[in-house]
Amino acid sequence: LEFFAAMSRTLSMGLAHDIAVVAPFVTMHKSDVIRLGAELNVPFEVTLSCMNPREGLHCGQCTKCRERRDAFHAAGVDDPTAYAFKPLR
C-alpha cells in the first residue's frame, strides 16, 4: 500500500495534477479476483496479463500466464484464455 501512495505522490508532482493510484484488489488472492470476476460476468477472454504476448494472445509460458492458469484452476473457473504456446507445465 505504501508503494501506491508513493506512486500517487510522484505522478501528482510530475503531472501537476492530483493523481490517485487505486488498487482495490491488492489484498485479494488471484483466485478470489477470478471468482469475483466470474460472478460479475467479466469477459476474461479479452483480458491480458501476459508479460510476453504473441499477436494478441497470451504466450502461455511466462510466470504471469502460469499465475493466471493457476488462479483459474484454484477458483474452479474455466480458463477461456487463448495461449500462443503450450504451457511449460
Protein backbone atom coordinates (compact mmCIF):
# COMPACT_ATOMS: atom_id res chain seq x y z
CA LEU A 1 0.00 0.00 0.00
CA GLU A 2 2.95 2.31 0.69
CA PHE A 3 4.07 1.80 -2.92
CA PHE A 4 0.74 3.02 -4.31
CA ALA A 5 0.77 6.09 -2.04
CA ALA A 6 4.31 6.92 -3.18
CA MET A 7 3.36 6.41 -6.82
CA SER A 8 0.34 8.70 -6.38
CA ARG A 9 2.54 11.44 -4.93
CA THR A 10 5.16 11.03 -7.66
CA LEU A 11 2.64 11.13 -10.50
CA SER A 12 0.84 14.10 -8.95
CA MET A 13 4.09 16.05 -8.73
CA GLY A 14 5.28 15.05 -12.20
CA LEU A 15 2.00 15.75 -13.96
CA ALA A 16 0.94 18.76 -11.86
CA HIS A 17 -2.47 17.18 -11.20
CA ASP A 18 -3.86 15.22 -8.30
CA ILE A 19 -3.47 11.56 -9.24
CA ALA A 20 -4.65 8.66 -7.08
CA VAL A 21 -3.42 5.16 -7.79
CA VAL A 22 -6.22 2.85 -6.70
CA ALA A 23 -5.66 -0.89 -6.27
CA PRO A 24 -8.91 -2.33 -4.88
CA PHE A 25 -7.83 -5.96 -5.31
CA VAL A 26 -4.31 -5.69 -3.88
CA THR A 27 -5.18 -7.62 -0.71
CA MET A 28 -7.07 -10.39 -2.54
CA HIS A 29 -5.69 -13.69 -3.82
CA LYS A 30 -5.77 -14.04 -7.61
CA SER A 31 -8.26 -16.91 -7.35
CA ASP A 32 -10.62 -14.66 -5.34
CA VAL A 33 -10.38 -12.00 -8.05
CA ILE A 34 -11.23 -14.64 -10.66
CA ARG A 35 -14.26 -15.82 -8.64
CA LEU A 36 -15.46 -12.21 -8.25
CA GLY A 37 -14.94 -11.60 -11.96
CA ALA A 38 -16.95 -14.72 -12.80
CA GLU A 39 -19.79 -13.51 -10.56
CA LEU A 40 -19.72 -10.16 -12.37
CA ASN A 41 -19.56 -11.82 -15.82
CA VAL A 42 -16.19 -10.32 -16.67
CA PRO A 43 -15.23 -11.28 -20.25
CA PHE A 44 -11.93 -12.90 -19.24
CA GLU A 45 -11.17 -13.79 -22.85
CA VAL A 46 -10.45 -10.11 -23.59
CA THR A 47 -8.23 -9.51 -20.54
CA LEU A 48 -4.45 -9.67 -20.75
CA SER A 49 -1.96 -10.45 -18.02
CA CYS A 50 0.92 -11.91 -20.08
CA MET A 51 4.40 -10.41 -19.96
CA ASN A 52 5.21 -11.59 -23.50
CA PRO A 53 2.04 -11.60 -25.63
CA ARG A 54 2.24 -13.03 -29.15
CA GLU A 55 -0.04 -11.46 -31.75
CA GLY A 56 -2.63 -10.56 -29.13
CA LEU A 57 -2.52 -13.93 -27.36
CA HIS A 58 -1.08 -14.88 -24.02
CA CYS A 59 2.28 -16.58 -24.59
CA GLY A 60 1.37 -19.45 -22.24
CA GLN A 61 4.90 -19.77 -20.90
CA CYS A 62 5.73 -16.72 -18.77
CA THR A 63 5.22 -16.53 -15.00
CA LYS A 64 2.13 -14.34 -15.39
CA CYS A 65 0.49 -16.92 -17.68
CA ARG A 66 1.27 -19.63 -15.12
CA GLU A 67 -0.20 -17.49 -12.32
CA ARG A 68 -3.30 -16.89 -14.44
CA ARG A 69 -3.82 -20.61 -15.18
CA ASP A 70 -3.23 -21.47 -11.51
CA ALA A 71 -5.73 -18.81 -10.37
CA PHE A 72 -8.46 -20.06 -12.70
CA HIS A 73 -7.80 -23.62 -11.52
CA ALA A 74 -7.84 -22.64 -7.82
CA ALA A 75 -11.04 -20.64 -8.35
CA GLY A 76 -12.75 -23.58 -10.05
CA VAL A 77 -13.50 -21.40 -13.09
CA ASP A 78 -12.85 -22.50 -16.68
CA ASP A 79 -9.98 -20.56 -18.24
CA PRO A 80 -11.15 -19.12 -21.59
CA THR A 81 -7.67 -17.79 -22.37
CA ALA A 82 -6.16 -18.43 -25.78
CA TYR A 83 -2.46 -19.24 -25.36
CA ALA A 84 0.03 -18.96 -28.25
CA PHE A 85 2.17 -21.81 -26.96
CA LYS A 86 1.53 -24.91 -24.91
CA PRO A 87 2.15 -24.18 -21.22
CA LEU A 88 5.52 -25.41 -19.90
CA ARG A 89 3.85 -27.24 -17.04
